[in-house]
Amino acid sequence: MEKSQGKTARPSPFTTETPMEHSIALVTGTTSGLGYAAASMLATKGYRQVIVTGRSLARVQQTVAQLAAETKAQVFTPLELDLDSPSSVQSALAELVKRGQPIDFLLLNAGMVPGKKRILTEAGVEASQAPLIGHHQLTVGLLRANLLSPNARIVIAGAEPARGGVPMFKYTDVPAFAAKYHQGDRTAAVEALVRNGPNVKYVPNNAYADAKLIIAWWVAALARRLPSGMAVYAVSPGGATATKVVRNAGPLLKYLFIPIVNLIPGMNQTPETAARRYLQASEFGTDVSGQFFASAQGKFSGPIEAQRQPHLHDRASQEAAWQAVVKVSGVDLSYPASLSPVSKLYFQAIPGAADHSPS
């Protein structure tokens, strides 16, 4: 990857850097919607390779052919990846190790809006929470294999409900939930949400809000564990209802909330416009690593901004989210030797934060 030649002045409250050229990107959930749009735009921006992933290799190969035909670019490479299956993630990682090409932009786009009926994966994870577990396994695997370039950018799909204030969505007050049901253990509380376990009432929209809040916390915790040149951000693509992500949405969301949103100017956008937020974040600097970017309060489209709500910046909840994901996935990441002395001191100050050896 070509290194950035300085900072680009832009009218925004966060640092941006010059775009990566002649780089390699990997996009999850690429066979439709935002992932498909993002992959197409990455090709037009000059990425020399875009790794296209999906559950079915045949479907991924079809997507590669379609993208190549539409963009006239021969840069797309298929990779079978089912995030709900740890063995599939491991197989994908093994293939990437075999190829031996470090990834410059890792776009963790795959997600799921839960339906009326609760669905658990074979590992006992609630369906809307499952993509994070697979994304964690993938990201940690790439880091361990030294398959992220020194200045890699990682973007994971967030959503507006994580910040609060979105009608029909309510995230769980994790500290209160932990105090009531888990003797104050926030890690156990987050794990209960991930698994939709005891004392967690399944409400589809709330499960989705919880999933995206845990993602925002996971990103903050991961940022503290990354080597100094890398960065990670959670980015809400905003309103983009013309995608398959809402195919399992409950009737209130699908037939009431979404139609109303579609009637309000500025509250919805095309998949291409939404996916452009991901590419914008790929140019952000390390100074905002770990942040959650979303629309302005009360909006679902337009410019993104770093979210400042106090619950998003609660370090105890961030670390609890990380440890819960580690427990559920069975995969942890020791802090790299390249972390700064200040970062190492921070980890040493957190009981249990630095004593996890690779599994």
Protein backbone atom coordinates (compact mmCIF):
# COMPACT_ATOMS: atom_id res chain seq x y z
CA MET A 1 0.00 0.00 0.00
CA GLU A 2 1.26 3.47 -0.81
CA LYS A 3 1.56 5.57 2.29
CA SER A 4 -0.37 8.78 2.68
CA GLN A 5 1.57 11.90 1.73
CA GLY A 6 0.19 14.11 4.46
CA LYS A 7 -3.26 15.25 5.54
CA THR A 8 -6.02 16.61 3.36
CA ALA A 9 -7.79 19.73 4.63
CA ARG A 10 -11.53 19.14 4.68
CA PRO A 11 -14.47 20.86 6.37
CA SER A 12 -14.97 18.18 9.00
CA PRO A 13 -14.36 17.76 12.74
CA PHE A 14 -12.10 14.74 12.21
CA THR A 15 -8.85 14.09 10.39
CA THR A 16 -8.82 12.56 6.93
CA GLU A 17 -5.92 11.23 4.94
CA THR A 18 -5.31 10.86 1.22
CA PRO A 19 -7.03 7.82 -0.31
CA MET A 20 -5.17 4.57 -0.64
CA GLU A 21 -4.25 3.75 -4.24
CA HIS A 22 -3.41 0.42 -5.82
CA SER A 23 -4.53 -1.36 -2.66
CA ILE A 24 -6.36 -4.51 -1.64
CA ALA A 25 -9.80 -4.46 -0.02
CA LEU A 26 -11.94 -7.22 1.46
CA VAL A 27 -15.68 -6.66 1.80
CA THR A 28 -18.07 -8.94 3.70
CA GLY A 29 -21.67 -9.30 2.66
CA THR A 30 -20.85 -8.35 -0.91
CA THR A 31 -23.50 -10.22 -2.88
CA SER A 32 -26.15 -7.52 -2.54
CA GLY A 33 -27.00 -4.10 -1.14
CA LEU A 34 -24.38 -1.93 0.50
CA GLY A 35 -21.57 -4.45 0.19
CA TYR A 36 -22.16 -4.78 -3.53
CA ALA A 37 -22.28 -1.01 -3.96
CA ALA A 38 -19.11 -0.57 -1.91
CA ALA A 39 -17.22 -3.19 -3.90
CA SER A 40 -18.19 -1.48 -7.14
CA MET A 41 -17.03 1.91 -5.89
CA LEU A 42 -13.74 0.52 -4.61
CA ALA A 43 -12.95 -0.68 -8.11
CA THR A 44 -13.67 2.75 -9.58
CA LYS A 45 -11.43 4.35 -6.93
CA GLY A 46 -8.42 2.41 -8.16
CA TYR A 47 -8.19 -0.57 -5.81
CA ARG A 48 -6.17 -3.21 -7.63
CA GLN A 49 -7.99 -6.05 -5.89
CA VAL A 50 -11.39 -6.27 -4.21
CA ILE A 51 -12.07 -9.55 -2.42
CA VAL A 52 -15.77 -10.34 -2.71
CA THR A 53 -17.26 -12.60 -0.02
CA GLY A 54 -20.52 -14.37 0.69
CA ARG A 55 -21.96 -17.56 2.13
CA SER A 56 -22.07 -19.45 -1.18
CA LEU A 57 -19.06 -19.68 -3.48
CA ALA A 58 -21.33 -20.02 -6.50
CA ARG A 59 -23.20 -16.87 -5.54
CA VAL A 60 -19.93 -15.02 -4.91
CA GLN A 61 -18.57 -16.07 -8.30
CA GLN A 62 -21.77 -14.82 -9.91
CA THR A 63 -21.38 -11.52 -8.06
CA VAL A 64 -17.78 -11.18 -9.25
CA ALA A 65 -18.87 -11.68 -12.84
CA GLN A 66 -21.66 -9.13 -12.47
CA LEU A 67 -19.38 -6.54 -10.85
CA ALA A 68 -16.75 -7.03 -13.54
CA ALA A 69 -19.35 -6.58 -16.28
CA GLU A 70 -20.77 -3.43 -14.71
CA THR A 71 -17.47 -1.72 -13.83
CA LYS A 72 -15.35 -3.05 -16.73
CA ALA A 73 -12.69 -3.78 -14.11
CA GLN A 74 -10.99 -7.14 -13.64
CA VAL A 75 -10.11 -6.61 -9.98
CA PHE A 76 -12.67 -8.77 -8.19
CA THR A 77 -11.67 -12.01 -6.43
CA PRO A 78 -14.20 -14.45 -4.93
CA LEU A 79 -13.90 -15.83 -1.41
CA GLU A 80 -16.45 -18.06 0.32
CA LEU A 81 -17.13 -16.77 3.84
CA ASP A 82 -20.04 -17.67 6.10
CA LEU A 83 -19.68 -15.53 9.21
CA ASP A 84 -22.08 -17.75 11.16
CA SER A 85 -19.71 -20.71 10.72
CA PRO A 86 -16.36 -20.67 12.56
CA SER A 87 -15.06 -23.39 10.23
CA SER A 88 -15.94 -21.25 7.20
CA VAL A 89 -14.10 -18.29 8.72
CA GLN A 90 -11.08 -20.49 9.34
CA SER A 91 -11.19 -21.81 5.78
CA ALA A 92 -11.35 -18.26 4.42
CA LEU A 93 -8.42 -17.25 6.60
CA ALA A 94 -6.43 -20.26 5.40
CA GLU A 95 -7.08 -19.23 1.80
CA LEU A 96 -6.00 -15.66 2.53
CA VAL A 97 -2.83 -16.92 4.22
CA LYS A 98 -2.14 -19.02 1.12
CA ARG A 99 -2.51 -15.94 -1.09
CA GLY A 100 -0.21 -14.00 1.24
CA GLN A 101 -1.37 -10.51 0.24
CA PRO A 102 -1.92 -8.02 3.11
CA ILE A 103 -5.27 -6.25 3.11
CA ASP A 104 -5.35 -2.46 3.20
CA PHE A 105 -9.08 -1.89 3.69
CA LEU A 106 -11.20 -4.39 5.62
CA LEU A 107 -14.90 -3.54 5.24
CA LEU A 108 -17.02 -5.56 7.67
CA ASN A 109 -20.35 -4.79 6.08
CA ALA A 110 -22.41 -7.96 6.58
CA GLY A 111 -25.30 -7.61 9.00
CA MET A 112 -28.83 -8.72 9.77
CA VAL A 113 -32.01 -6.99 10.91
CA PRO A 114 -33.74 -9.56 13.14
CA GLY A 115 -37.25 -10.80 12.44
CA LYS A 116 -40.30 -11.36 14.58
CA LYS A 117 -39.16 -14.85 15.55
CA ARG A 118 -35.92 -15.23 17.47
CA ILE A 119 -33.24 -17.13 15.54
CA LEU A 120 -30.10 -18.56 17.10
CA THR A 121 -27.07 -19.85 15.22
CA GLU A 122 -25.65 -23.30 15.86
CA ALA A 123 -23.29 -21.63 18.32
CA GLY A 124 -26.25 -20.23 20.27
CA VAL A 125 -25.82 -16.63 19.14
CA GLU A 126 -28.80 -14.40 18.31
CA ALA A 127 -28.94 -13.79 14.55
CA SER A 128 -28.37 -10.02 14.57
CA GLN A 129 -25.41 -10.47 16.95
CA ALA A 130 -23.81 -13.28 14.95
CA PRO A 131 -22.08 -11.15 12.28
CA LEU A 132 -19.94 -9.45 14.95
CA ILE A 133 -18.72 -12.82 16.22
CA GLY A 134 -17.68 -13.85 12.71
CA HIS A 135 -16.16 -10.44 12.03
CA HIS A 136 -14.18 -10.68 15.26
CA GLN A 137 -12.85 -14.11 14.29
CA LEU A 138 -11.92 -12.82 10.84
CA THR A 139 -10.24 -9.63 12.06
CA VAL A 140 -8.25 -11.32 14.82
CA GLY A 141 -7.22 -14.04 12.39
CA LEU A 142 -5.95 -11.48 9.89
CA LEU A 143 -4.04 -9.64 12.59
CA ARG A 144 -2.43 -12.83 13.89
CA ALA A 145 -1.42 -13.84 10.37
CA ASN A 146 0.05 -10.39 9.70
CA LEU A 147 -2.39 -10.03 6.81
CA LEU A 148 -3.38 -6.43 7.49
CA SER A 149 -1.01 -3.84 6.06
CA PRO A 150 0.78 -1.50 8.52
CA ASN A 151 -1.63 1.37 7.79
CA ALA A 152 -4.75 -0.75 7.31
CA ARG A 153 -8.19 0.70 7.86
CA ILE A 154 -11.02 -1.40 9.29
CA VAL A 155 -14.63 -0.24 8.96
CA ILE A 156 -17.56 -2.14 10.43
CA ALA A 157 -21.22 -1.38 9.80
CA GLY A 158 -22.88 0.37 12.71
CA ALA A 159 -26.39 1.82 12.86
CA GLU A 160 -28.16 4.91 14.15
CA PRO A 161 -30.03 3.11 17.01
CA ALA A 162 -26.73 2.59 18.87
CA ARG A 163 -26.65 6.30 19.71
CA GLY A 164 -30.24 6.30 21.02
CA GLY A 165 -33.15 8.54 20.14
CA VAL A 166 -34.39 6.46 17.20
CA PRO A 167 -38.16 5.75 17.27
CA MET A 168 -39.10 2.08 17.78
CA PHE A 169 -35.53 1.10 18.80
CA LYS A 170 -34.20 0.95 22.35
CA TYR A 171 -30.83 -0.38 23.46
CA THR A 172 -30.34 -2.09 26.82
CA ASP A 173 -28.89 -0.14 29.75
CA VAL A 174 -26.06 -2.63 30.25
CA PRO A 175 -24.76 -1.31 33.61
CA ALA A 176 -28.28 -1.49 35.08
CA PHE A 177 -28.93 -4.89 33.49
CA ALA A 178 -25.63 -6.18 34.86
CA ALA A 179 -26.41 -4.84 38.34
CA LYS A 180 -29.87 -6.44 38.36
CA TYR A 181 -29.11 -9.86 36.92
CA HIS A 182 -25.32 -10.43 36.87
CA GLN A 183 -23.96 -9.06 40.17
CA GLY A 184 -22.54 -6.09 38.28
CA ASP A 185 -20.60 -8.24 35.80
CA ARG A 186 -20.95 -6.34 32.53
CA THR A 187 -19.15 -9.01 30.53
CA ALA A 188 -21.75 -11.57 31.59
CA ALA A 189 -24.49 -9.06 30.80
CA VAL A 190 -23.20 -8.44 27.27
CA GLU A 191 -22.81 -12.17 26.69
CA ALA A 192 -26.45 -12.64 27.74
CA LEU A 193 -27.48 -10.07 25.11
CA VAL A 194 -25.32 -11.72 22.45
CA ARG A 195 -26.92 -15.08 23.17
CA ASN A 196 -30.38 -13.62 23.94
CA GLY A 197 -30.11 -15.62 27.13
CA PRO A 198 -31.90 -15.62 30.49
CA ASN A 199 -33.61 -12.39 31.57
CA VAL A 200 -33.36 -11.00 28.02
CA LYS A 201 -36.77 -10.47 26.45
CA TYR A 202 -36.57 -10.84 22.70
CA VAL A 203 -37.77 -7.67 20.98
CA PRO A 204 -36.45 -7.58 17.39
CA ASN A 205 -35.75 -3.85 17.14
CA ASN A 206 -34.15 -3.75 20.58
CA ALA A 207 -31.99 -6.77 19.75
CA TYR A 208 -30.79 -4.88 16.66
CA ALA A 209 -30.03 -1.75 18.71
CA ASP A 210 -28.10 -3.85 21.22
CA ALA A 211 -26.13 -5.55 18.44
CA LYS A 212 -25.05 -2.21 16.98
CA LEU A 213 -24.21 -0.76 20.39
CA ILE A 214 -21.99 -3.75 21.16
CA ILE A 215 -20.30 -3.21 17.78
CA ALA A 216 -19.53 0.41 18.72
CA TRP A 217 -18.03 -0.74 22.02
CA TRP A 218 -16.07 -3.53 20.33
CA VAL A 219 -14.57 -1.04 17.89
CA ALA A 220 -13.36 1.19 20.72
CA ALA A 221 -11.77 -1.78 22.48
CA LEU A 222 -10.16 -3.05 19.27
CA ALA A 223 -8.70 0.38 18.54
CA ARG A 224 -6.73 0.17 21.79
CA ARG A 225 -5.33 -3.18 20.73
CA LEU A 226 -4.24 -2.30 17.19
CA PRO A 227 -0.67 -1.47 16.16
CA SER A 228 -0.08 2.27 16.00
CA GLY A 229 -0.50 2.69 12.23
CA MET A 230 -3.83 0.90 11.93
CA ALA A 231 -7.28 2.28 12.68
CA VAL A 232 -10.84 1.00 13.06
CA TYR A 233 -14.19 2.79 12.94
CA ALA A 234 -17.86 1.87 13.29
CA VAL A 235 -19.84 3.64 10.58
CA SER A 236 -23.59 3.81 10.23
CA PRO A 237 -24.50 3.77 6.54
CA GLY A 238 -27.73 5.56 7.46
CA GLY A 239 -31.14 5.00 5.94
CA ALA A 240 -31.01 2.80 2.84
CA THR A 241 -34.14 0.69 2.81
CA ALA A 242 -33.69 -0.57 -0.77
CA THR A 243 -31.46 -3.43 0.41
CA LYS A 244 -32.02 -7.02 1.47
CA VAL A 245 -30.84 -6.34 5.02
CA VAL A 246 -34.45 -5.68 6.10
CA ARG A 247 -35.80 -8.87 4.55
CA ASN A 248 -36.38 -10.40 8.01
CA ALA A 249 -37.60 -7.20 9.66
CA GLY A 250 -40.77 -7.34 11.73
CA PRO A 251 -44.06 -6.00 10.36
CA LEU A 252 -43.98 -2.74 12.35
CA LEU A 253 -40.56 -1.87 10.95
CA LYS A 254 -41.21 -3.13 7.42
CA TYR A 255 -44.76 -1.86 6.91
CA LEU A 256 -44.94 1.20 9.18
CA PHE A 257 -41.58 2.74 10.07
CA ILE A 258 -39.79 2.25 6.73
CA PRO A 259 -42.70 3.54 4.56
CA ILE A 260 -42.98 6.62 6.79
CA VAL A 261 -39.23 7.24 6.59
CA ASN A 262 -39.37 6.92 2.82
CA LEU A 263 -41.89 9.77 2.67
CA ILE A 264 -39.73 12.22 4.64
CA PRO A 265 -37.15 14.11 2.54
CA GLY A 266 -33.59 13.51 3.66
CA MET A 267 -34.42 10.45 5.76
CA ASN A 268 -33.50 7.80 3.18
CA GLN A 269 -30.83 7.38 0.51
CA THR A 270 -29.66 5.01 -2.20
CA PRO A 271 -27.40 2.07 -1.34
CA GLU A 272 -24.62 3.79 -3.30
CA THR A 273 -24.89 6.96 -1.21
CA ALA A 274 -24.99 4.95 1.99
CA ALA A 275 -21.99 2.82 1.02
CA ARG A 276 -20.03 5.96 0.21
CA ARG A 277 -19.83 6.58 3.97
CA TYR A 278 -17.72 3.44 4.31
CA LEU A 279 -15.27 4.69 1.70
CA GLN A 280 -15.15 8.10 3.36
CA ALA A 281 -14.16 6.46 6.63
CA SER A 282 -11.39 4.50 4.90
CA GLU A 283 -9.60 7.85 4.58
CA PHE A 284 -9.94 8.88 8.24
CA GLY A 285 -6.84 9.30 10.37
CA THR A 286 -5.67 7.30 13.35
CA ASP A 287 -6.62 10.15 15.68
CA VAL A 288 -10.27 9.12 15.46
CA SER A 289 -9.70 5.37 15.58
CA GLY A 290 -12.28 3.64 17.76
CA GLN A 291 -15.02 6.19 17.10
CA PHE A 292 -18.60 5.57 15.99
CA PHE A 293 -19.71 7.74 13.07
CA ALA A 294 -23.36 8.28 12.22
CA SER A 295 -25.82 10.89 11.01
CA ALA A 296 -26.59 13.97 13.05
CA GLN A 297 -29.16 13.43 15.79
CA GLY A 298 -32.61 12.93 14.30
CA LYS A 299 -31.25 12.25 10.80
CA PHE A 300 -30.70 9.09 8.79
CA SER A 301 -28.78 10.53 5.87
CA GLY A 302 -26.42 13.39 5.09
CA PRO A 303 -22.97 14.05 6.60
CA ILE A 304 -21.64 11.73 9.29
CA GLU A 305 -20.14 12.88 12.56
CA ALA A 306 -18.41 11.25 15.52
CA GLN A 307 -21.01 10.36 18.13
CA ARG A 308 -20.41 11.82 21.59
CA GLN A 309 -23.15 10.19 23.68
CA PRO A 310 -21.67 9.18 27.07
CA HIS A 311 -22.83 5.55 26.91
CA LEU A 312 -20.76 5.03 23.76
CA HIS A 313 -17.58 6.16 25.53
CA ASP A 314 -17.94 4.07 28.70
CA ARG A 315 -14.64 2.18 28.84
CA ALA A 316 -15.95 -0.42 31.27
CA SER A 317 -18.71 -1.29 28.80
CA GLN A 318 -16.28 -1.26 25.88
CA GLU A 319 -13.97 -3.74 27.59
CA ALA A 320 -16.94 -5.84 28.71
CA ALA A 321 -18.12 -6.04 25.10
CA TRP A 322 -14.67 -7.14 23.96
CA GLN A 323 -14.38 -9.81 26.64
CA ALA A 324 -17.90 -11.09 25.94
CA VAL A 325 -17.14 -11.42 22.23
CA VAL A 326 -13.87 -13.16 23.10
CA LYS A 327 -15.75 -15.61 25.33
CA VAL A 328 -18.44 -16.36 22.77
CA SER A 329 -16.02 -16.64 19.84
CA GLY A 330 -13.21 -18.39 21.69
CA VAL A 331 -10.70 -16.06 20.01
CA ASP A 332 -8.64 -13.32 21.66
CA LEU A 333 -5.81 -11.05 20.60
CA SER A 334 -2.80 -10.20 22.73
CA TYR A 335 -1.76 -6.59 22.40
CA PRO A 336 0.93 -6.31 19.72
CA ALA A 337 4.52 -5.45 20.53
CA SER A 338 4.22 -2.39 18.29
CA LEU A 339 1.77 -0.66 20.63
CA SER A 340 3.05 2.55 22.12
CA PRO A 341 4.32 2.54 25.72
CA VAL A 342 1.28 4.59 26.75
CA SER A 343 -1.08 2.01 25.27
CA LYS A 344 0.81 -0.80 26.99
CA LEU A 345 0.53 0.98 30.33
CA TYR A 346 -3.21 1.32 29.76
CA PHE A 347 -3.56 -2.43 29.18
CA GLN A 348 -1.43 -3.26 32.19
CA ALA A 349 -3.71 -1.06 34.30
CA ILE A 350 -6.83 -3.04 33.33
CA PRO A 351 -7.12 -6.33 35.22
CA GLY A 352 -7.20 -9.15 32.70
CA ALA A 353 -6.89 -6.93 29.63
CA ALA A 354 -3.36 -7.98 28.68
CA ASP A 355 -3.13 -11.54 29.94
CA HIS A 356 -4.90 -13.30 27.09
CA SER A 357 -2.71 -15.48 24.96
CA PRO A 358 -3.83 -16.39 21.43
CA SER A 359 -6.18 -19.38 21.39
